[in-house]
């Protein structure tokens, strides 16, 4: 059974592409994420994981494959996973939330 995952794309005013993931990313749907990242090309891409409740090693593998041109925005729950996995050494990882929003202002 496939875990629910919704992916949508948008663009920032500066032209940077944004891919938003809602739900869970696991081995049953990591291919969807891979396909969306492949369609996005090699330009700068922000991946919004703030509404992602779960990310397993299959999802991490997809993100590692594209680490050279992505920026990840994640909820506080996922940030340690992205750091411990080593992904934050290859791609920018920012924490979303009230604390992060306040610090950016």
N, C-alpha and C. Protein backbone atom coordinates (compact mmCIF):
# COMPACT_ATOMS: atom_id res chain seq x y z
N UNK A 1 0.83 -1.18 0.00
CA UNK A 1 0.00 0.00 0.00
C UNK A 1 0.88 1.25 0.00
N UNK A 2 0.53 2.21 -0.83
CA UNK A 2 1.29 3.45 -0.93
C UNK A 2 0.91 4.42 0.18
N UNK A 3 1.92 5.00 0.79
CA UNK A 3 1.71 5.99 1.83
C UNK A 3 1.31 7.31 1.16
N UNK A 4 0.34 8.04 1.73
CA UNK A 4 -0.08 9.30 1.12
C UNK A 4 1.05 10.34 1.08
N UNK A 5 1.26 10.87 -0.12
CA UNK A 5 2.23 11.94 -0.33
C UNK A 5 1.69 12.83 -1.43
N UNK A 6 1.66 14.12 -1.16
CA UNK A 6 1.25 15.10 -2.16
C UNK A 6 2.44 16.01 -2.42
N UNK A 7 2.77 16.17 -3.69
CA UNK A 7 3.86 17.03 -4.10
C UNK A 7 3.30 18.14 -4.98
N UNK A 8 3.68 19.36 -4.69
CA UNK A 8 3.25 20.48 -5.52
C UNK A 8 4.43 21.40 -5.78
N UNK A 9 4.40 22.08 -6.90
CA UNK A 9 5.49 22.98 -7.25
C UNK A 9 4.98 24.41 -7.34
N UNK A 10 5.89 25.31 -7.08
CA UNK A 10 5.59 26.73 -7.13
C UNK A 10 6.90 27.44 -7.48
N UNK A 11 6.85 28.75 -7.54
CA UNK A 11 8.05 29.50 -7.83
C UNK A 11 8.07 30.76 -6.98
N UNK A 12 9.22 31.04 -6.39
CA UNK A 12 9.40 32.26 -5.61
C UNK A 12 9.47 33.46 -6.56
N UNK A 13 9.26 34.66 -6.05
CA UNK A 13 9.37 35.85 -6.91
C UNK A 13 10.73 35.98 -7.59
N UNK A 14 11.79 35.43 -6.96
CA UNK A 14 13.12 35.51 -7.57
C UNK A 14 13.35 34.43 -8.63
N UNK A 15 12.33 33.60 -8.87
CA UNK A 15 12.42 32.56 -9.89
C UNK A 15 12.84 31.21 -9.38
N UNK A 16 13.23 31.09 -8.11
CA UNK A 16 13.64 29.81 -7.55
C UNK A 16 12.44 28.88 -7.45
N UNK A 17 12.61 27.67 -7.92
CA UNK A 17 11.55 26.67 -7.86
C UNK A 17 11.40 26.14 -6.43
N UNK A 18 10.16 25.86 -6.04
CA UNK A 18 9.86 25.32 -4.72
C UNK A 18 9.02 24.06 -4.91
N UNK A 19 9.45 22.98 -4.29
CA UNK A 19 8.71 21.73 -4.29
C UNK A 19 8.24 21.49 -2.85
N UNK A 20 6.93 21.39 -2.66
CA UNK A 20 6.37 21.19 -1.33
C UNK A 20 5.87 19.75 -1.21
N UNK A 21 6.30 19.08 -0.15
CA UNK A 21 5.88 17.71 0.13
C UNK A 21 4.96 17.71 1.35
N UNK A 22 3.81 17.05 1.21
CA UNK A 22 2.85 16.94 2.30
C UNK A 22 2.56 15.47 2.51
N UNK A 23 2.75 14.99 3.73
CA UNK A 23 2.48 13.59 4.05
C UNK A 23 3.73 12.89 4.53
N UNK A 24 3.93 11.67 4.06
CA UNK A 24 5.06 10.86 4.47
C UNK A 24 5.84 10.43 3.24
N UNK A 25 7.17 10.39 3.37
CA UNK A 25 8.02 9.92 2.28
C UNK A 25 8.69 8.63 2.75
N UNK A 26 8.37 7.55 2.06
CA UNK A 26 8.95 6.26 2.39
C UNK A 26 9.19 5.48 1.10
N UNK A 27 9.58 4.21 1.24
CA UNK A 27 9.93 3.43 0.06
C UNK A 27 8.76 3.23 -0.89
N UNK A 28 7.52 3.38 -0.40
CA UNK A 28 6.37 3.18 -1.29
C UNK A 28 6.13 4.35 -2.22
N UNK A 29 6.69 5.53 -1.90
CA UNK A 29 6.43 6.69 -2.75
C UNK A 29 7.68 7.53 -3.04
N UNK A 30 8.85 7.04 -2.66
CA UNK A 30 10.09 7.78 -2.92
C UNK A 30 10.30 8.01 -4.42
N UNK A 31 9.76 7.13 -5.24
CA UNK A 31 9.84 7.31 -6.69
C UNK A 31 9.12 8.56 -7.15
N UNK A 32 8.01 8.90 -6.51
CA UNK A 32 7.29 10.14 -6.83
C UNK A 32 8.19 11.34 -6.57
N UNK A 33 8.87 11.33 -5.44
CA UNK A 33 9.77 12.42 -5.09
C UNK A 33 10.92 12.49 -6.08
N UNK A 34 11.50 11.36 -6.41
CA UNK A 34 12.60 11.31 -7.38
C UNK A 34 12.16 11.88 -8.72
N UNK A 35 10.97 11.48 -9.19
CA UNK A 35 10.47 11.97 -10.48
C UNK A 35 10.24 13.48 -10.45
N UNK A 36 9.70 13.99 -9.34
CA UNK A 36 9.46 15.43 -9.22
C UNK A 36 10.78 16.20 -9.22
N UNK A 37 11.79 15.67 -8.54
CA UNK A 37 13.10 16.33 -8.52
C UNK A 37 13.77 16.26 -9.88
N UNK A 38 13.61 15.15 -10.57
CA UNK A 38 14.18 15.04 -11.92
C UNK A 38 13.52 16.04 -12.87
N UNK A 39 12.21 16.22 -12.75
CA UNK A 39 11.50 17.18 -13.61
C UNK A 39 11.92 18.62 -13.30
N UNK A 40 12.31 18.87 -12.05
CA UNK A 40 12.68 20.23 -11.65
C UNK A 40 14.01 20.66 -12.26
N UNK A 41 14.80 19.72 -12.74
CA UNK A 41 16.07 20.06 -13.37
C UNK A 41 17.19 20.23 -12.37
N UNK A 42 18.27 20.87 -12.86
CA UNK A 42 19.49 21.00 -12.05
C UNK A 42 19.66 22.38 -11.44
N UNK A 43 18.69 23.27 -11.64
CA UNK A 43 18.78 24.60 -11.08
C UNK A 43 18.48 24.59 -9.59
N UNK A 44 18.65 25.73 -8.94
CA UNK A 44 18.36 25.81 -7.51
C UNK A 44 16.92 25.40 -7.23
N UNK A 45 16.74 24.64 -6.18
CA UNK A 45 15.41 24.13 -5.82
C UNK A 45 15.27 24.12 -4.30
N UNK A 46 14.20 24.71 -3.82
CA UNK A 46 13.87 24.65 -2.39
C UNK A 46 12.87 23.52 -2.22
N UNK A 47 13.14 22.63 -1.28
CA UNK A 47 12.20 21.56 -0.96
C UNK A 47 11.62 21.85 0.40
N UNK A 48 10.33 22.09 0.42
CA UNK A 48 9.61 22.42 1.66
C UNK A 48 9.08 21.13 2.27
N UNK A 49 9.70 20.72 3.36
CA UNK A 49 9.30 19.50 4.08
C UNK A 49 8.56 19.83 5.37
N UNK A 50 8.09 21.05 5.52
CA UNK A 50 7.47 21.45 6.78
C UNK A 50 6.18 20.70 7.08
N UNK A 51 5.53 20.15 6.05
CA UNK A 51 4.30 19.37 6.26
C UNK A 51 4.54 17.89 6.01
N UNK A 52 5.80 17.50 6.07
CA UNK A 52 6.18 16.10 5.91
C UNK A 52 6.30 15.49 7.30
N UNK A 53 5.50 14.46 7.57
CA UNK A 53 5.46 13.85 8.90
C UNK A 53 6.49 12.75 9.11
N UNK A 54 7.04 12.23 8.01
CA UNK A 54 7.92 11.07 8.12
C UNK A 54 8.83 11.04 6.90
N UNK A 55 10.08 10.69 7.10
CA UNK A 55 11.04 10.58 6.01
C UNK A 55 11.96 9.41 6.33
N UNK A 56 11.92 8.37 5.48
CA UNK A 56 12.77 7.21 5.76
C UNK A 56 13.99 7.23 4.85
N UNK A 57 14.78 6.16 4.90
CA UNK A 57 16.04 6.11 4.16
C UNK A 57 15.83 6.17 2.66
N UNK A 58 14.72 5.68 2.14
CA UNK A 58 14.46 5.77 0.71
C UNK A 58 14.30 7.23 0.28
N UNK A 59 13.62 8.01 1.09
CA UNK A 59 13.47 9.43 0.81
C UNK A 59 14.79 10.17 0.95
N UNK A 60 15.56 9.82 1.97
CA UNK A 60 16.88 10.43 2.15
C UNK A 60 17.79 10.15 0.96
N UNK A 61 17.73 8.93 0.45
CA UNK A 61 18.55 8.57 -0.71
C UNK A 61 18.23 9.45 -1.90
N UNK A 62 16.96 9.71 -2.13
CA UNK A 62 16.54 10.59 -3.23
C UNK A 62 17.10 11.99 -3.00
N UNK A 63 17.00 12.49 -1.78
CA UNK A 63 17.49 13.83 -1.48
C UNK A 63 19.00 13.91 -1.65
N UNK A 64 19.73 12.88 -1.22
CA UNK A 64 21.18 12.87 -1.38
C UNK A 64 21.57 12.95 -2.86
N UNK A 65 20.81 12.31 -3.71
CA UNK A 65 21.09 12.30 -5.14
C UNK A 65 21.04 13.71 -5.73
N UNK A 66 20.24 14.58 -5.14
CA UNK A 66 20.05 15.94 -5.66
C UNK A 66 20.67 17.00 -4.74
N UNK A 67 21.49 16.59 -3.80
CA UNK A 67 22.00 17.49 -2.76
C UNK A 67 22.78 18.69 -3.30
N UNK A 68 23.34 18.57 -4.48
CA UNK A 68 24.17 19.65 -5.00
C UNK A 68 23.39 20.89 -5.43
N UNK A 69 22.07 20.80 -5.51
CA UNK A 69 21.31 21.98 -5.95
C UNK A 69 20.00 22.19 -5.18
N UNK A 70 19.89 21.59 -3.99
CA UNK A 70 18.67 21.77 -3.21
C UNK A 70 18.94 22.50 -1.90
N UNK A 71 17.89 23.11 -1.41
CA UNK A 71 17.85 23.70 -0.08
C UNK A 71 16.62 23.10 0.59
N UNK A 72 16.77 22.61 1.79
CA UNK A 72 15.67 21.95 2.50
C UNK A 72 15.16 22.84 3.62
N UNK A 73 13.85 22.96 3.70
CA UNK A 73 13.20 23.65 4.80
C UNK A 73 12.35 22.59 5.50
N UNK A 74 12.62 22.36 6.77
CA UNK A 74 11.97 21.25 7.47
C UNK A 74 11.42 21.67 8.82
N UNK A 75 10.43 20.92 9.27
CA UNK A 75 9.88 21.11 10.60
C UNK A 75 10.91 20.65 11.63
N UNK A 76 10.82 21.17 12.85
CA UNK A 76 11.81 20.81 13.88
C UNK A 76 12.00 19.30 14.07
N UNK A 77 10.97 18.52 13.84
CA UNK A 77 11.06 17.07 14.01
C UNK A 77 12.01 16.42 13.00
N UNK A 78 12.06 16.95 11.78
CA UNK A 78 12.89 16.34 10.73
C UNK A 78 14.32 16.87 10.68
N UNK A 79 14.56 18.05 11.21
CA UNK A 79 15.89 18.64 11.12
C UNK A 79 16.97 17.72 11.69
N UNK A 80 16.79 17.10 12.85
CA UNK A 80 17.83 16.19 13.35
C UNK A 80 18.10 15.01 12.41
N UNK A 81 17.07 14.50 11.76
CA UNK A 81 17.24 13.39 10.81
C UNK A 81 18.13 13.84 9.65
N UNK A 82 17.87 15.05 9.15
CA UNK A 82 18.65 15.57 8.03
C UNK A 82 20.09 15.84 8.44
N UNK A 83 20.30 16.23 9.68
CA UNK A 83 21.66 16.50 10.17
C UNK A 83 22.41 15.20 10.45
N UNK A 84 21.77 14.28 11.15
CA UNK A 84 22.43 13.01 11.51
C UNK A 84 22.78 12.20 10.27
N UNK A 85 21.92 12.28 9.25
CA UNK A 85 22.17 11.53 8.01
C UNK A 85 23.38 12.07 7.25
N UNK A 86 23.77 13.32 7.55
CA UNK A 86 24.87 13.95 6.84
C UNK A 86 24.40 14.81 5.67
N UNK A 87 23.10 14.82 5.40
CA UNK A 87 22.58 15.61 4.28
C UNK A 87 22.84 17.10 4.47
N UNK A 88 22.83 17.55 5.72
CA UNK A 88 23.07 18.97 5.98
C UNK A 88 24.52 19.37 5.68
N UNK A 89 25.41 18.41 5.52
CA UNK A 89 26.78 18.71 5.12
C UNK A 89 26.88 18.99 3.61
N UNK A 90 25.87 18.53 2.86
CA UNK A 90 25.90 18.66 1.40
C UNK A 90 24.89 19.67 0.86
N UNK A 91 23.83 19.91 1.62
CA UNK A 91 22.77 20.82 1.19
C UNK A 91 22.39 21.70 2.38
N UNK A 92 21.93 22.90 2.08
CA UNK A 92 21.49 23.78 3.15
C UNK A 92 20.21 23.23 3.76
N UNK A 93 20.15 23.19 5.08
CA UNK A 93 18.97 22.74 5.81
C UNK A 93 18.56 23.87 6.75
N UNK A 94 17.33 24.33 6.60
CA UNK A 94 16.80 25.37 7.47
C UNK A 94 15.59 24.82 8.22
N UNK A 95 15.49 25.19 9.48
CA UNK A 95 14.33 24.80 10.29
C UNK A 95 13.23 25.83 10.13
N UNK A 96 12.03 25.35 9.88
CA UNK A 96 10.86 26.22 9.80
C UNK A 96 10.19 26.26 11.16
N UNK A 97 9.39 27.25 11.37
CA UNK A 97 8.64 27.35 12.61
C UNK A 97 8.73 28.74 13.17
N UNK A 98 8.00 28.98 14.25
CA UNK A 98 7.96 30.33 14.84
C UNK A 98 9.34 30.85 15.23
N UNK A 99 10.20 29.99 15.78
CA UNK A 99 11.53 30.43 16.20
C UNK A 99 12.36 30.83 14.99
N UNK A 100 12.30 30.01 13.93
CA UNK A 100 13.08 30.29 12.73
C UNK A 100 12.54 31.55 12.04
N UNK A 101 11.21 31.71 12.00
CA UNK A 101 10.62 32.90 11.37
C UNK A 101 11.04 34.16 12.12
N UNK A 102 11.06 34.10 13.45
CA UNK A 102 11.44 35.26 14.26
C UNK A 102 12.91 35.61 14.04
N UNK A 103 13.75 34.60 13.93
CA UNK A 103 15.18 34.83 13.72
C UNK A 103 15.46 35.44 12.35
N UNK A 104 14.64 35.14 11.36
CA UNK A 104 14.84 35.65 10.01
C UNK A 104 14.43 37.11 9.90
N UNK A 105 13.65 37.62 10.84
CA UNK A 105 13.16 39.00 10.74
C UNK A 105 14.12 39.99 11.33
